[in-house]
Amino acid sequence: MIEMARNAEATKSRAEIIARRFEYHKASSATTAKHHLVSEVCTELAKHLINTTLESREQSIALTKLDELRMYWNQAVAFDGQGFDPANR
């Protein structure tokens, strides 16, 4: 009986984690400002990268990684204060 309750709780917890990760997170005025900051910082980094390196495979990879940084940073901003627990990924 206890085991069934634990399994039901674990399943519910996993379902909540999935819902939390993939639901739409509406931007508030506070998060909108943070998203703009992320874009500004990443744009500046991209400009510095392009201005200080030659066009190359490495530059392309660095720009791709910068895109990834922006994406994950914005995701972190979207989850900000909404109870997302990265330990439960």
C-alpha atoms as a PDB file:
ATOM      1  CA  MET A   1       0.000   0.000   0.000  1.00  0.00           C
ATOM      2  CA  ILE A   2       2.779   2.412   0.927  1.00  0.00           C
ATOM      3  CA  GLU A   3       4.682   1.446  -2.228  1.00  0.00           C
ATOM      4  CA  MET A   4       1.628   2.223  -4.384  1.00  0.00           C
ATOM      5  CA  ALA A   5       1.322   5.635  -2.758  1.00  0.00           C
ATOM      6  CA  ARG A   6       5.014   6.336  -3.418  1.00  0.00           C
ATOM      7  CA  ASN A   7       4.679   5.304  -7.064  1.00  0.00           C
ATOM      8  CA  ALA A   8       1.582   7.476  -7.497  1.00  0.00           C
ATOM      9  CA  GLU A   9       3.409  10.402  -5.883  1.00  0.00           C
ATOM     10  CA  ALA A  10       6.499   9.877  -8.069  1.00  0.00           C
ATOM     11  CA  THR A  11       4.348   9.683 -11.217  1.00  0.00           C
ATOM     12  CA  LYS A  12       2.503  12.850 -10.253  1.00  0.00           C
ATOM     13  CA  SER A  13       5.787  14.575  -9.504  1.00  0.00           C
ATOM     14  CA  ARG A  14       7.217  13.569 -12.899  1.00  0.00           C
ATOM     15  CA  ALA A  15       4.048  14.757 -14.631  1.00  0.00           C
ATOM     16  CA  GLU A  16       4.316  18.101 -12.835  1.00  0.00           C
ATOM     17  CA  ILE A  17       7.974  18.408 -13.842  1.00  0.00           C
ATOM     18  CA  ILE A  18       7.131  17.740 -17.497  1.00  0.00           C
ATOM     19  CA  ALA A  19       4.221  20.181 -17.448  1.00  0.00           C
ATOM     20  CA  ARG A  20       6.356  22.822 -15.748  1.00  0.00           C
ATOM     21  CA  ARG A  21       9.215  22.475 -18.241  1.00  0.00           C
ATOM     22  CA  PHE A  22       7.096  22.603 -21.390  1.00  0.00           C
ATOM     23  CA  GLU A  23       4.246  24.949 -20.558  1.00  0.00           C
ATOM     24  CA  TYR A  24       4.226  28.518 -21.811  1.00  0.00           C
ATOM     25  CA  HIS A  25       5.772  31.004 -19.381  1.00  0.00           C
ATOM     26  CA  LYS A  26       4.189  34.383 -19.954  1.00  0.00           C
ATOM     27  CA  ALA A  27       6.651  37.247 -19.594  1.00  0.00           C
ATOM     28  CA  SER A  28       5.947  39.789 -16.876  1.00  0.00           C
ATOM     29  CA  SER A  29       7.234  43.360 -16.957  1.00  0.00           C
ATOM     30  CA  ALA A  30      10.152  42.244 -14.770  1.00  0.00           C
ATOM     31  CA  THR A  31      11.075  39.292 -16.982  1.00  0.00           C
ATOM     32  CA  THR A  32      10.632  41.313 -20.191  1.00  0.00           C
ATOM     33  CA  ALA A  33      13.302  43.738 -18.990  1.00  0.00           C
ATOM     34  CA  LYS A  34      15.572  40.795 -18.150  1.00  0.00           C
ATOM     35  CA  HIS A  35      15.024  39.254 -21.604  1.00  0.00           C
ATOM     36  CA  HIS A  36      16.032  42.561 -23.194  1.00  0.00           C
ATOM     37  CA  LEU A  37      19.173  42.633 -21.070  1.00  0.00           C
ATOM     38  CA  VAL A  38      20.039  39.079 -22.169  1.00  0.00           C
ATOM     39  CA  SER A  39      19.661  40.120 -25.814  1.00  0.00           C
ATOM     40  CA  GLU A  40      21.786  43.231 -25.353  1.00  0.00           C
ATOM     41  CA  VAL A  41      24.599  41.353 -23.583  1.00  0.00           C
ATOM     42  CA  CYS A  42      24.633  38.528 -26.133  1.00  0.00           C
ATOM     43  CA  THR A  43      24.570  40.989 -29.039  1.00  0.00           C
ATOM     44  CA  GLU A  44      27.573  42.818 -27.595  1.00  0.00           C
ATOM     45  CA  LEU A  45      29.432  39.552 -27.086  1.00  0.00           C
ATOM     46  CA  ALA A  46      28.691  38.525 -30.679  1.00  0.00           C
ATOM     47  CA  LYS A  47      29.999  41.860 -31.971  1.00  0.00           C
ATOM     48  CA  HIS A  48      33.210  41.484 -29.961  1.00  0.00           C
ATOM     49  CA  LEU A  49      33.609  37.919 -31.156  1.00  0.00           C
ATOM     50  CA  ILE A  50      33.209  38.867 -34.821  1.00  0.00           C
ATOM     51  CA  ASN A  51      35.478  41.899 -34.474  1.00  0.00           C
ATOM     52  CA  THR A  52      38.290  39.993 -32.769  1.00  0.00           C
ATOM     53  CA  THR A  53      38.330  36.731 -34.710  1.00  0.00           C
ATOM     54  CA  LEU A  54      38.614  35.645 -38.312  1.00  0.00           C
ATOM     55  CA  GLU A  55      35.691  33.969 -40.015  1.00  0.00           C
ATOM     56  CA  SER A  56      36.286  30.309 -39.270  1.00  0.00           C
ATOM     57  CA  ARG A  57      34.763  27.113 -38.042  1.00  0.00           C
ATOM     58  CA  GLU A  58      35.743  28.103 -34.498  1.00  0.00           C
ATOM     59  CA  GLN A  59      34.028  31.474 -34.835  1.00  0.00           C
ATOM     60  CA  SER A  60      30.905  29.745 -36.126  1.00  0.00           C
ATOM     61  CA  ILE A  61      30.924  27.307 -33.206  1.00  0.00           C
ATOM     62  CA  ALA A  62      31.465  30.166 -30.746  1.00  0.00           C
ATOM     63  CA  LEU A  63      28.449  31.999 -32.230  1.00  0.00           C
ATOM     64  CA  THR A  64      26.380  28.825 -31.955  1.00  0.00           C
ATOM     65  CA  LYS A  65      27.386  28.454 -28.310  1.00  0.00           C
ATOM     66  CA  LEU A  66      26.465  32.098 -27.757  1.00  0.00           C
ATOM     67  CA  ASP A  67      23.028  31.321 -29.241  1.00  0.00           C
ATOM     68  CA  GLU A  68      22.751  28.438 -26.776  1.00  0.00           C
ATOM     69  CA  LEU A  69      23.769  30.706 -23.913  1.00  0.00           C
ATOM     70  CA  ARG A  70      21.050  33.195 -24.882  1.00  0.00           C
ATOM     71  CA  MET A  71      18.453  30.446 -25.156  1.00  0.00           C
ATOM     72  CA  TYR A  72      19.241  28.891 -21.770  1.00  0.00           C
ATOM     73  CA  TRP A  73      19.640  32.271 -20.093  1.00  0.00           C
ATOM     74  CA  ASN A  74      16.202  33.323 -21.362  1.00  0.00           C
ATOM     75  CA  GLN A  75      14.781  30.013 -20.167  1.00  0.00           C
ATOM     76  CA  ALA A  76      16.267  30.629 -16.735  1.00  0.00           C
ATOM     77  CA  VAL A  77      14.682  34.091 -16.724  1.00  0.00           C
ATOM     78  CA  ALA A  78      11.305  32.614 -17.731  1.00  0.00           C
ATOM     79  CA  PHE A  79      11.448  30.123 -14.853  1.00  0.00           C
ATOM     80  CA  ASP A  80      12.638  32.810 -12.413  1.00  0.00           C
ATOM     81  CA  GLY A  81      10.639  32.682  -9.227  1.00  0.00           C
ATOM     82  CA  GLN A  82       8.162  30.150 -10.581  1.00  0.00           C
ATOM     83  CA  GLY A  83       9.283  27.180  -8.574  1.00  0.00           C
ATOM     84  CA  PHE A  84      11.285  25.322 -11.213  1.00  0.00           C
ATOM     85  CA  ASP A  85      13.788  23.035  -9.543  1.00  0.00           C
ATOM     86  CA  PRO A  86      16.744  22.268 -11.835  1.00  0.00           C
ATOM     87  CA  ALA A  87      17.578  19.254  -9.662  1.00  0.00           C
ATOM     88  CA  ASN A  88      14.384  17.627 -10.986  1.00  0.00           C
ATOM     89  CA  ARG A  89      15.296  17.875 -14.670  1.00  0.00           C
END
